[in-house]
C-alpha cells in the first residue's frame, strides 16, 4: 500500500522560529548532513556576532564555523543582510540560509555570492510533510549552493571587470595627454571600450584609437553605414591610389585593410604595447599613439578634402 504525502504549514509544526525550529535544528543538526557534505556538529544557538546574535553556529568537518540563519516565511533582504553580516562578524567561510519560501531574486543573489569565491553560501527550502496520518517531518531541499562552475564564472567576471577598469584608466591618461598635443578627440570622454573615435570631417570617416592587451593603433575607419558597403570600398580605393603620397606625408608605412565580408575599411598604424603593460610604460605608449594619430590626420586631410570634389 502506498501512502499519500500531505504538506503541513510550518507554523503548525513550529509556532515560534527561535524557540521552536531553531532549537529543534540544533538538536537535529545531522539532518543537514544528509543534504550538504559538511559534516556539521556542535551547533550553538543565539551565538553573539557583535551587536547581533546568530540563529545557529555549527562546525564543519574541519572545525570551521558555519553560520545558519532560519526564516520560516518568504526570504527577505533583511535576512540576506544578516547572513553576510554574521559571516563577517565571526569570520566564517560558510553560511546556510533555511527559508520557507525562497524568492527568485534571493536565489540569484546567493548564486552571485558563490561566484565571488570568498565564502560558500547555501540556500535551502524548508517544508513539512506527513504521509497519511503520520507525524509531520521536515523536508529540506537545496535550492542553490557553491560549485566549481560558479567559482570559475566568478573568476571570469572578475577578469572582465578588471579589463574594463584598466581600459578606462588607460583612456583617461591618453585623452589627458592628447589634449596637450591636438584638438582631435578633445570632446571624447574615457570609456571602458577597446576603442575611441571622432569624426574625420567627412560623413562615414572616423579617426579611432584602439587598444588591446598587447598593442595599440591609430586608425582611419571608413564606414558609411549598413547599406553603403560599396561606397566604403570606393572611398577606400580612392585613398589607396594616393597611398605613396599619404605614407610619405605620414612618415612611414600604414596597414591598409579591406577584409572580404566586412563592411568597414581601415587604414591604421599599429603600435607595440597595450593596456596590460606596466602602467609606467603607458606614457610612452600615449606619446606614440597620439603622435601617430596627429601624423595620420595630417597625411589624410588633403585627400579626404578631395572626396568632397
C-alpha atoms as a PDB file:
ATOM      1  CA  UNK A   1       0.000   0.000   0.000  1.00  0.00           C
ATOM      2  CA  UNK A   2       1.336   3.428  -0.941  1.00  0.00           C
ATOM      3  CA  UNK A   3       0.705   6.418   1.305  1.00  0.00           C
ATOM      4  CA  UNK A   4      -0.110   9.962   0.227  1.00  0.00           C
ATOM      5  CA  UNK A   5       2.051  12.979   1.052  1.00  0.00           C
ATOM      6  CA  UNK A   6       0.338  15.932   2.699  1.00  0.00           C
ATOM      7  CA  UNK A   7       2.087  19.258   3.209  1.00  0.00           C
ATOM      8  CA  UNK A   8       1.728  20.776   6.669  1.00  0.00           C
ATOM      9  CA  UNK A   9       2.080  24.535   7.315  1.00  0.00           C
ATOM     10  CA  UNK A  10       5.405  25.250   9.029  1.00  0.00           C
ATOM     11  CA  UNK A  11       3.734  27.286  11.768  1.00  0.00           C
ATOM     12  CA  UNK A  12       1.546  24.312  12.641  1.00  0.00           C
ATOM     13  CA  UNK A  13       4.717  22.386  13.497  1.00  0.00           C
ATOM     14  CA  UNK A  14       6.884  25.172  14.985  1.00  0.00           C
ATOM     15  CA  UNK A  15       4.884  28.031  16.462  1.00  0.00           C
ATOM     16  CA  UNK A  16       7.994  30.096  17.084  1.00  0.00           C
ATOM     17  CA  UNK A  17      11.025  30.266  14.845  1.00  0.00           C
ATOM     18  CA  UNK A  18      13.655  30.839  17.576  1.00  0.00           C
ATOM     19  CA  UNK A  19      12.326  28.625  20.369  1.00  0.00           C
ATOM     20  CA  UNK A  20      10.722  26.112  18.028  1.00  0.00           C
ATOM     21  CA  UNK A  21      12.504  25.410  14.763  1.00  0.00           C
ATOM     22  CA  UNK A  22      15.967  26.732  15.673  1.00  0.00           C
ATOM     23  CA  UNK A  23      16.003  24.751  18.919  1.00  0.00           C
ATOM     24  CA  UNK A  24      14.855  21.622  17.070  1.00  0.00           C
ATOM     25  CA  UNK A  25      17.522  22.070  14.355  1.00  0.00           C
ATOM     26  CA  UNK A  26      20.270  22.495  16.961  1.00  0.00           C
ATOM     27  CA  UNK A  27      19.301  19.123  18.394  1.00  0.00           C
ATOM     28  CA  UNK A  28      18.998  17.545  14.952  1.00  0.00           C
ATOM     29  CA  UNK A  29      21.847  19.212  13.062  1.00  0.00           C
ATOM     30  CA  UNK A  30      22.695  15.916  11.397  1.00  0.00           C
ATOM     31  CA  UNK A  31      19.650  16.357   9.153  1.00  0.00           C
ATOM     32  CA  UNK A  32      21.673  18.922   7.209  1.00  0.00           C
ATOM     33  CA  UNK A  33      24.490  16.423   6.768  1.00  0.00           C
ATOM     34  CA  UNK A  34      22.135  14.284   4.706  1.00  0.00           C
ATOM     35  CA  UNK A  35      21.874  17.143   2.191  1.00  0.00           C
ATOM     36  CA  UNK A  36      25.178  19.008   2.479  1.00  0.00           C
ATOM     37  CA  UNK A  37      28.614  17.414   2.537  1.00  0.00           C
ATOM     38  CA  UNK A  38      29.733  19.480   5.522  1.00  0.00           C
ATOM     39  CA  UNK A  39      29.633  17.003   8.440  1.00  0.00           C
ATOM     40  CA  UNK A  40      28.142  19.593  10.801  1.00  0.00           C
ATOM     41  CA  UNK A  41      28.292  19.266  14.595  1.00  0.00           C
ATOM     42  CA  UNK A  42      28.377  21.275  17.849  1.00  0.00           C
ATOM     43  CA  UNK A  43      25.526  23.616  16.940  1.00  0.00           C
ATOM     44  CA  UNK A  44      25.151  26.601  19.302  1.00  0.00           C
ATOM     45  CA  UNK A  45      22.039  28.787  19.466  1.00  0.00           C
ATOM     46  CA  UNK A  46      21.996  32.602  19.583  1.00  0.00           C
ATOM     47  CA  UNK A  47      25.761  32.977  19.351  1.00  0.00           C
ATOM     48  CA  UNK A  48      26.865  36.606  19.581  1.00  0.00           C
ATOM     49  CA  UNK A  49      28.145  38.322  16.437  1.00  0.00           C
ATOM     50  CA  UNK A  50      28.997  41.857  17.503  1.00  0.00           C
ATOM     51  CA  UNK A  51      25.722  43.590  18.419  1.00  0.00           C
ATOM     52  CA  UNK A  52      23.721  40.745  16.849  1.00  0.00           C
ATOM     53  CA  UNK A  53      23.139  37.070  17.577  1.00  0.00           C
ATOM     54  CA  UNK A  54      23.235  34.264  15.014  1.00  0.00           C
ATOM     55  CA  UNK A  55      20.404  31.722  14.982  1.00  0.00           C
ATOM     56  CA  UNK A  56      22.900  28.848  14.916  1.00  0.00           C
ATOM     57  CA  UNK A  57      26.646  28.471  14.599  1.00  0.00           C
ATOM     58  CA  UNK A  58      27.942  24.959  13.934  1.00  0.00           C
ATOM     59  CA  UNK A  59      31.291  23.437  12.991  1.00  0.00           C
ATOM     60  CA  UNK A  60      32.080  21.644   9.756  1.00  0.00           C
ATOM     61  CA  UNK A  61      34.272  18.554   9.491  1.00  0.00           C
ATOM     62  CA  UNK A  62      37.418  20.705   9.587  1.00  0.00           C
ATOM     63  CA  UNK A  63      36.345  22.626  12.677  1.00  0.00           C
ATOM     64  CA  UNK A  64      35.457  25.815  10.770  1.00  0.00           C
ATOM     65  CA  UNK A  65      32.493  27.940  11.867  1.00  0.00           C
ATOM     66  CA  UNK A  66      29.297  27.670   9.822  1.00  0.00           C
ATOM     67  CA  UNK A  67      26.570  30.317  10.110  1.00  0.00           C
ATOM     68  CA  UNK A  68      22.963  29.090   9.935  1.00  0.00           C
ATOM     69  CA  UNK A  69      20.102  31.567   9.578  1.00  0.00           C
ATOM     70  CA  UNK A  70      16.496  30.361   9.736  1.00  0.00           C
ATOM     71  CA  UNK A  71      13.390  32.017   8.287  1.00  0.00           C
ATOM     72  CA  UNK A  72      10.061  30.188   8.262  1.00  0.00           C
ATOM     73  CA  UNK A  73       8.446  32.643   5.833  1.00  0.00           C
ATOM     74  CA  UNK A  74       9.459  34.115   2.472  1.00  0.00           C
ATOM     75  CA  UNK A  75      13.106  35.118   2.149  1.00  0.00           C
ATOM     76  CA  UNK A  76      13.737  38.843   2.516  1.00  0.00           C
ATOM     77  CA  UNK A  77      16.520  41.388   2.189  1.00  0.00           C
ATOM     78  CA  UNK A  78      16.834  41.776   5.951  1.00  0.00           C
ATOM     79  CA  UNK A  79      17.849  38.133   6.474  1.00  0.00           C
ATOM     80  CA  UNK A  80      20.165  38.189   3.453  1.00  0.00           C
ATOM     81  CA  UNK A  81      21.940  41.170   5.004  1.00  0.00           C
ATOM     82  CA  UNK A  82      22.128  39.389   8.351  1.00  0.00           C
ATOM     83  CA  UNK A  83      23.804  36.341   6.819  1.00  0.00           C
ATOM     84  CA  UNK A  84      26.538  38.445   5.231  1.00  0.00           C
ATOM     85  CA  UNK A  85      26.984  40.439   8.463  1.00  0.00           C
ATOM     86  CA  UNK A  86      27.203  37.335  10.639  1.00  0.00           C
ATOM     87  CA  UNK A  87      29.630  35.659   8.255  1.00  0.00           C
ATOM     88  CA  UNK A  88      31.992  38.619   8.547  1.00  0.00           C
ATOM     89  CA  UNK A  89      31.490  39.130  12.278  1.00  0.00           C
ATOM     90  CA  UNK A  90      32.567  35.615  13.273  1.00  0.00           C
ATOM     91  CA  UNK A  91      34.987  35.132  10.362  1.00  0.00           C
ATOM     92  CA  UNK A  92      33.127  32.115   8.982  1.00  0.00           C
ATOM     93  CA  UNK A  93      33.587  30.754   5.482  1.00  0.00           C
ATOM     94  CA  UNK A  94      30.225  29.014   5.110  1.00  0.00           C
ATOM     95  CA  UNK A  95      26.638  30.259   5.504  1.00  0.00           C
ATOM     96  CA  UNK A  96      23.378  28.291   5.340  1.00  0.00           C
ATOM     97  CA  UNK A  97      20.066  30.096   4.877  1.00  0.00           C
ATOM     98  CA  UNK A  98      16.968  27.998   5.504  1.00  0.00           C
ATOM     99  CA  UNK A  99      13.699  29.577   4.340  1.00  0.00           C
ATOM    100  CA  UNK A 100      10.091  28.603   3.923  1.00  0.00           C
ATOM    101  CA  UNK A 101       9.799  30.238   0.514  1.00  0.00           C
ATOM    102  CA  UNK A 102      12.904  31.396  -1.396  1.00  0.00           C
ATOM    103  CA  UNK A 103      12.259  34.411  -3.626  1.00  0.00           C
ATOM    104  CA  UNK A 104      13.840  34.238  -7.133  1.00  0.00           C
ATOM    105  CA  UNK A 105      15.859  37.406  -6.522  1.00  0.00           C
ATOM    106  CA  UNK A 106      17.431  35.867  -3.405  1.00  0.00           C
ATOM    107  CA  UNK A 107      18.230  32.656  -5.276  1.00  0.00           C
ATOM    108  CA  UNK A 108      20.115  34.817  -7.788  1.00  0.00           C
ATOM    109  CA  UNK A 109      21.800  36.775  -5.006  1.00  0.00           C
ATOM    110  CA  UNK A 110      23.135  33.626  -3.323  1.00  0.00           C
ATOM    111  CA  UNK A 111      24.323  32.293  -6.675  1.00  0.00           C
ATOM    112  CA  UNK A 112      26.174  35.576  -7.276  1.00  0.00           C
ATOM    113  CA  UNK A 113      27.747  35.469  -3.819  1.00  0.00           C
ATOM    114  CA  UNK A 114      29.057  31.986  -4.583  1.00  0.00           C
ATOM    115  CA  UNK A 115      30.739  33.337  -7.707  1.00  0.00           C
ATOM    116  CA  UNK A 116      32.914  35.583  -5.553  1.00  0.00           C
ATOM    117  CA  UNK A 117      34.689  32.550  -4.096  1.00  0.00           C
ATOM    118  CA  UNK A 118      35.240  34.343  -0.767  1.00  0.00           C
ATOM    119  CA  UNK A 119      32.772  32.072   1.061  1.00  0.00           C
ATOM    120  CA  UNK A 120      30.296  29.248   0.450  1.00  0.00           C
ATOM    121  CA  UNK A 121      26.569  30.042   0.589  1.00  0.00           C
ATOM    122  CA  UNK A 122      23.737  27.522   0.719  1.00  0.00           C
ATOM    123  CA  UNK A 123      20.039  28.345   0.291  1.00  0.00           C
ATOM    124  CA  UNK A 124      17.632  25.603   1.405  1.00  0.00           C
ATOM    125  CA  UNK A 125      13.857  25.452   1.195  1.00  0.00           C
ATOM    126  CA  UNK A 126      12.095  24.052   4.287  1.00  0.00           C
ATOM    127  CA  UNK A 127       8.760  22.258   4.095  1.00  0.00           C
ATOM    128  CA  UNK A 128       6.968  19.906   6.479  1.00  0.00           C
ATOM    129  CA  UNK A 129       5.076  16.897   5.249  1.00  0.00           C
ATOM    130  CA  UNK A 130       3.260  13.883   6.596  1.00  0.00           C
ATOM    131  CA  UNK A 131       2.283  10.600   4.994  1.00  0.00           C
ATOM    132  CA  UNK A 132      -1.340   9.754   5.705  1.00  0.00           C
ATOM    133  CA  UNK A 133      -1.714  10.292   9.479  1.00  0.00           C
ATOM    134  CA  UNK A 134       1.985  10.150  10.367  1.00  0.00           C
ATOM    135  CA  UNK A 135       3.781  12.716  12.489  1.00  0.00           C
ATOM    136  CA  UNK A 136       4.990  15.735  10.445  1.00  0.00           C
ATOM    137  CA  UNK A 137       8.545  15.510   9.154  1.00  0.00           C
ATOM    138  CA  UNK A 138      10.891  18.167   7.718  1.00  0.00           C
ATOM    139  CA  UNK A 139      11.679  18.181   4.016  1.00  0.00           C
ATOM    140  CA  UNK A 140      14.781  20.231   3.152  1.00  0.00           C
ATOM    141  CA  UNK A 141      15.650  20.940  -0.479  1.00  0.00           C
ATOM    142  CA  UNK A 142      18.902  22.519  -1.621  1.00  0.00           C
ATOM    143  CA  UNK A 143      17.988  25.398  -3.950  1.00  0.00           C
ATOM    144  CA  UNK A 144      21.455  26.758  -4.633  1.00  0.00           C
ATOM    145  CA  UNK A 145      24.929  26.105  -3.276  1.00  0.00           C
ATOM    146  CA  UNK A 146      28.589  26.621  -4.127  1.00  0.00           C
ATOM    147  CA  UNK A 147      30.177  24.840  -7.068  1.00  0.00           C
ATOM    148  CA  UNK A 148      33.400  24.862  -9.036  1.00  0.00           C
ATOM    149  CA  UNK A 149      31.467  26.153 -12.054  1.00  0.00           C
ATOM    150  CA  UNK A 150      30.172  29.123 -10.037  1.00  0.00           C
ATOM    151  CA  UNK A 151      33.668  29.999  -8.836  1.00  0.00           C
ATOM    152  CA  UNK A 152      35.035  29.740 -12.379  1.00  0.00           C
ATOM    153  CA  UNK A 153      32.242  32.013 -13.612  1.00  0.00           C
ATOM    154  CA  UNK A 154      33.093  34.455 -10.842  1.00  0.00           C
ATOM    155  CA  UNK A 155      36.767  34.455 -11.812  1.00  0.00           C
ATOM    156  CA  UNK A 156      35.831  35.119 -15.429  1.00  0.00           C
ATOM    157  CA  UNK A 157      33.606  38.050 -14.457  1.00  0.00           C
ATOM    158  CA  UNK A 158      36.329  39.401 -12.204  1.00  0.00           C
ATOM    159  CA  UNK A 159      38.847  39.320 -15.049  1.00  0.00           C
ATOM    160  CA  UNK A 160      36.401  41.041 -17.381  1.00  0.00           C
ATOM    161  CA  UNK A 161      35.699  43.773 -14.806  1.00  0.00           C
ATOM    162  CA  UNK A 162      39.432  44.215 -14.272  1.00  0.00           C
ATOM    163  CA  UNK A 163      39.972  44.500 -18.023  1.00  0.00           C
ATOM    164  CA  UNK A 164      37.265  47.150 -18.380  1.00  0.00           C
ATOM    165  CA  UNK A 165      38.655  49.088 -15.431  1.00  0.00           C
ATOM    166  CA  UNK A 166      42.173  49.052 -16.862  1.00  0.00           C
ATOM    167  CA  UNK A 167      40.966  50.226 -20.263  1.00  0.00           C
ATOM    168  CA  UNK A 168      39.059  53.149 -18.770  1.00  0.00           C
ATOM    169  CA  UNK A 169      42.123  54.083 -16.752  1.00  0.00           C
ATOM    170  CA  UNK A 170      44.256  53.847 -19.895  1.00  0.00           C
ATOM    171  CA  UNK A 171      41.936  56.062 -21.945  1.00  0.00           C
ATOM    172  CA  UNK A 172      41.763  58.648 -19.162  1.00  0.00           C
ATOM    173  CA  UNK A 173      45.524  59.048 -19.330  1.00  0.00           C
ATOM    174  CA  UNK A 174      45.698  59.009 -23.122  1.00  0.00           C
ATOM    175  CA  UNK A 175      42.990  61.660 -23.574  1.00  0.00           C
ATOM    176  CA  UNK A 176      44.590  63.839 -20.940  1.00  0.00           C
ATOM    177  CA  UNK A 177      47.910  63.674 -22.804  1.00  0.00           C
ATOM    178  CA  UNK A 178      46.260  64.067 -26.247  1.00  0.00           C
ATOM    179  CA  UNK A 179      44.708  67.399 -25.230  1.00  0.00           C
ATOM    180  CA  UNK A 180      48.201  68.822 -24.851  1.00  0.00           C
ATOM    181  CA  UNK A 181      49.011  67.939 -28.484  1.00  0.00           C
ATOM    182  CA  UNK A 182      45.841  68.129 -30.608  1.00  0.00           C
ATOM    183  CA  UNK A 183      42.140  69.003 -30.619  1.00  0.00           C
ATOM    184  CA  UNK A 184      41.280  65.617 -32.115  1.00  0.00           C
ATOM    185  CA  UNK A 185      39.201  63.595 -29.605  1.00  0.00           C
ATOM    186  CA  UNK A 186      39.028  66.662 -27.336  1.00  0.00           C
ATOM    187  CA  UNK A 187      35.272  66.209 -26.883  1.00  0.00           C
ATOM    188  CA  UNK A 188      35.539  62.458 -26.197  1.00  0.00           C
ATOM    189  CA  UNK A 189      35.198  61.023 -22.677  1.00  0.00           C
ATOM    190  CA  UNK A 190      37.043  57.961 -21.349  1.00  0.00           C
ATOM    191  CA  UNK A 191      35.205  54.650 -21.648  1.00  0.00           C
ATOM    192  CA  UNK A 192      35.884  51.011 -20.836  1.00  0.00           C
ATOM    193  CA  UNK A 193      35.604  50.062 -24.514  1.00  0.00           C
ATOM    194  CA  UNK A 194      38.536  48.933 -26.634  1.00  0.00           C
ATOM    195  CA  UNK A 195      38.340  51.994 -28.879  1.00  0.00           C
ATOM    196  CA  UNK A 196      37.660  55.745 -29.032  1.00  0.00           C
ATOM    197  CA  UNK A 197      36.577  57.536 -32.195  1.00  0.00           C
ATOM    198  CA  UNK A 198      35.848  61.010 -33.533  1.00  0.00           C
ATOM    199  CA  UNK A 199      34.760  62.335 -36.917  1.00  0.00           C
ATOM    200  CA  UNK A 200      37.395  62.849 -39.605  1.00  0.00           C
ATOM    201  CA  UNK A 201      35.315  65.685 -41.080  1.00  0.00           C
ATOM    202  CA  UNK A 202      33.605  63.618 -43.760  1.00  0.00           C
ATOM    203  CA  UNK A 203      30.492  61.507 -43.337  1.00  0.00           C
ATOM    204  CA  UNK A 204      31.365  57.921 -42.504  1.00  0.00           C
ATOM    205  CA  UNK A 205      35.058  58.561 -41.846  1.00  0.00           C
ATOM    206  CA  UNK A 206      36.399  58.386 -38.282  1.00  0.00           C
ATOM    207  CA  UNK A 207      39.739  58.681 -36.539  1.00  0.00           C
ATOM    208  CA  UNK A 208      39.913  55.895 -33.999  1.00  0.00           C
ATOM    209  CA  UNK A 209      42.282  54.913 -31.222  1.00  0.00           C
ATOM    210  CA  UNK A 210      42.219  51.204 -30.460  1.00  0.00           C
ATOM    211  CA  UNK A 211      43.879  49.359 -27.571  1.00  0.00           C
ATOM    212  CA  UNK A 212      44.190  45.649 -26.774  1.00  0.00           C
ATOM    213  CA  UNK A 213      46.184  43.795 -24.132  1.00  0.00           C
ATOM    214  CA  UNK A 214      49.394  43.949 -26.154  1.00  0.00           C
ATOM    215  CA  UNK A 215      49.028  46.535 -28.912  1.00  0.00           C
ATOM    216  CA  UNK A 216      47.540  49.884 -29.780  1.00  0.00           C
ATOM    217  CA  UNK A 217      46.724  51.638 -33.046  1.00  0.00           C
ATOM    218  CA  UNK A 218      45.775  54.936 -34.659  1.00  0.00           C
ATOM    219  CA  UNK A 219      43.220  54.327 -37.416  1.00  0.00           C
ATOM    220  CA  UNK A 220      41.112  55.897 -40.119  1.00  0.00           C
ATOM    221  CA  UNK A 221      37.814  53.997 -40.257  1.00  0.00           C
ATOM    222  CA  UNK A 222      35.643  54.116 -43.380  1.00  0.00           C
ATOM    223  CA  UNK A 223      32.077  53.128 -42.546  1.00  0.00           C
ATOM    224  CA  UNK A 224      29.167  54.970 -44.143  1.00  0.00           C
ATOM    225  CA  UNK A 225      26.554  52.605 -42.810  1.00  0.00           C
ATOM    226  CA  UNK A 226      24.993  49.192 -43.222  1.00  0.00           C
ATOM    227  CA  UNK A 227      23.674  49.904 -46.744  1.00  0.00           C
ATOM    228  CA  UNK A 228      26.870  51.563 -48.017  1.00  0.00           C
ATOM    229  CA  UNK A 229      29.405  48.761 -48.367  1.00  0.00           C
ATOM    230  CA  UNK A 230      30.144  49.674 -51.985  1.00  0.00           C
ATOM    231  CA  UNK A 231      30.618  53.338 -51.048  1.00  0.00           C
ATOM    232  CA  UNK A 232      33.093  52.288 -48.351  1.00  0.00           C
ATOM    233  CA  UNK A 233      35.110  50.302 -50.872  1.00  0.00           C
ATOM    234  CA  UNK A 234      35.036  53.139 -53.392  1.00  0.00           C
ATOM    235  CA  UNK A 235      36.359  55.675 -50.844  1.00  0.00           C
ATOM    236  CA  UNK A 236      38.985  53.198 -49.679  1.00  0.00           C
ATOM    237  CA  UNK A 237      40.202  52.631 -53.262  1.00  0.00           C
ATOM    238  CA  UNK A 238      40.386  56.384 -53.928  1.00  0.00           C
ATOM    239  CA  UNK A 239      42.561  56.853 -50.853  1.00  0.00           C
ATOM    240  CA  UNK A 240      44.647  53.815 -51.651  1.00  0.00           C
ATOM    241  CA  UNK A 241      45.525  55.229 -55.059  1.00  0.00           C
ATOM    242  CA  UNK A 242      47.251  58.015 -53.145  1.00  0.00           C
ATOM    243  CA  UNK A 243      48.980  55.556 -50.812  1.00  0.00           C
ATOM    244  CA  UNK A 244      52.518  56.623 -51.703  1.00  0.00           C
ATOM    245  CA  UNK A 245      51.779  60.301 -51.051  1.00  0.00           C
ATOM    246  CA  UNK A 246      49.847  59.537 -47.858  1.00  0.00           C
ATOM    247  CA  UNK A 247      52.543  57.304 -46.380  1.00  0.00           C
ATOM    248  CA  UNK A 248      55.226  59.828 -47.390  1.00  0.00           C
ATOM    249  CA  UNK A 249      53.350  62.586 -45.540  1.00  0.00           C
ATOM    250  CA  UNK A 250      52.729  60.242 -42.619  1.00  0.00           C
ATOM    251  CA  UNK A 251      56.413  59.375 -42.411  1.00  0.00           C
ATOM    252  CA  UNK A 252      56.136  55.595 -42.568  1.00  0.00           C
ATOM    253  CA  UNK A 253      54.140  52.645 -43.840  1.00  0.00           C
ATOM    254  CA  UNK A 254      50.486  52.076 -42.935  1.00  0.00           C
ATOM    255  CA  UNK A 255      48.346  48.937 -42.907  1.00  0.00           C
ATOM    256  CA  UNK A 256      45.528  49.108 -45.472  1.00  0.00           C
ATOM    257  CA  UNK A 257      42.733  46.673 -44.631  1.00  0.00           C
ATOM    258  CA  UNK A 258      39.707  45.858 -46.772  1.00  0.00           C
ATOM    259  CA  UNK A 259      38.554  42.498 -45.473  1.00  0.00           C
ATOM    260  CA  UNK A 260      36.151  40.401 -47.520  1.00  0.00           C
ATOM    261  CA  UNK A 261      32.751  40.164 -45.878  1.00  0.00           C
ATOM    262  CA  UNK A 262      33.312  43.163 -43.614  1.00  0.00           C
ATOM    263  CA  UNK A 263      31.523  46.441 -44.210  1.00  0.00           C
ATOM    264  CA  UNK A 264      34.159  48.820 -42.978  1.00  0.00           C
ATOM    265  CA  UNK A 265      37.631  49.538 -44.344  1.00  0.00           C
ATOM    266  CA  UNK A 266      40.616  50.594 -42.237  1.00  0.00           C
ATOM    267  CA  UNK A 267      43.899  52.412 -42.633  1.00  0.00           C
ATOM    268  CA  UNK A 268      45.959  52.030 -39.483  1.00  0.00           C
ATOM    269  CA  UNK A 269      49.285  52.353 -37.760  1.00  0.00           C
ATOM    270  CA  UNK A 270      49.865  49.543 -35.266  1.00  0.00           C
ATOM    271  CA  UNK A 271      51.939  50.339 -32.199  1.00  0.00           C
ATOM    272  CA  UNK A 272      53.534  47.752 -29.940  1.00  0.00           C
ATOM    273  CA  UNK A 273      52.335  47.847 -26.329  1.00  0.00           C
ATOM    274  CA  UNK A 274      48.905  47.501 -24.683  1.00  0.00           C
ATOM    275  CA  UNK A 275      46.920  48.207 -21.539  1.00  0.00           C
ATOM    276  CA  UNK A 276      48.317  45.066 -19.888  1.00  0.00           C
ATOM    277  CA  UNK A 277      51.789  46.613 -19.973  1.00  0.00           C
ATOM    278  CA  UNK A 278      53.238  48.008 -16.765  1.00  0.00           C
ATOM    279  CA  UNK A 279      51.496  51.338 -16.123  1.00  0.00           C
ATOM    280  CA  UNK A 280      54.888  53.042 -16.029  1.00  0.00           C
ATOM    281  CA  UNK A 281      55.120  52.278 -19.769  1.00  0.00           C
ATOM    282  CA  UNK A 282      51.756  53.853 -20.577  1.00  0.00           C
ATOM    283  CA  UNK A 283      53.049  57.447 -21.006  1.00  0.00           C
ATOM    284  CA  UNK A 284      55.395  56.305 -23.778  1.00  0.00           C
ATOM    285  CA  UNK A 285      52.535  54.430 -25.421  1.00  0.00           C
ATOM    286  CA  UNK A 286      50.332  57.544 -25.159  1.00  0.00           C
ATOM    287  CA  UNK A 287      53.053  59.528 -26.877  1.00  0.00           C
ATOM    288  CA  UNK A 288      53.418  57.047 -29.743  1.00  0.00           C
ATOM    289  CA  UNK A 289      49.655  56.638 -30.284  1.00  0.00           C
ATOM    290  CA  UNK A 290      48.891  60.369 -30.211  1.00  0.00           C
ATOM    291  CA  UNK A 291      51.870  61.148 -32.449  1.00  0.00           C
ATOM    292  CA  UNK A 292      50.660  58.522 -34.938  1.00  0.00           C
ATOM    293  CA  UNK A 293      47.147  59.986 -34.859  1.00  0.00           C
ATOM    294  CA  UNK A 294      48.389  63.526 -35.478  1.00  0.00           C
ATOM    295  CA  UNK A 295      50.504  62.375 -38.416  1.00  0.00           C
ATOM    296  CA  UNK A 296      47.654  60.256 -39.798  1.00  0.00           C
ATOM    297  CA  UNK A 297      45.274  63.214 -39.684  1.00  0.00           C
ATOM    298  CA  UNK A 298      47.835  65.485 -41.380  1.00  0.00           C
ATOM    299  CA  UNK A 299      48.544  62.917 -44.107  1.00  0.00           C
ATOM    300  CA  UNK A 300      44.880  62.130 -44.775  1.00  0.00           C
ATOM    301  CA  UNK A 301      43.377  65.602 -44.570  1.00  0.00           C
ATOM    302  CA  UNK A 302      44.082  66.837 -48.143  1.00  0.00           C
ATOM    303  CA  UNK A 303      42.932  63.535 -49.633  1.00  0.00           C
ATOM    304  CA  UNK A 304      39.736  63.497 -47.548  1.00  0.00           C
ATOM    305  CA  UNK A 305      39.117  67.058 -48.743  1.00  0.00           C
ATOM    306  CA  UNK A 306      39.307  65.826 -52.357  1.00  0.00           C
ATOM    307  CA  UNK A 307      36.488  63.362 -51.644  1.00  0.00           C
ATOM    308  CA  UNK A 308      34.160  66.388 -51.484  1.00  0.00           C
ATOM    309  CA  UNK A 309      35.004  67.435 -55.018  1.00  0.00           C
END
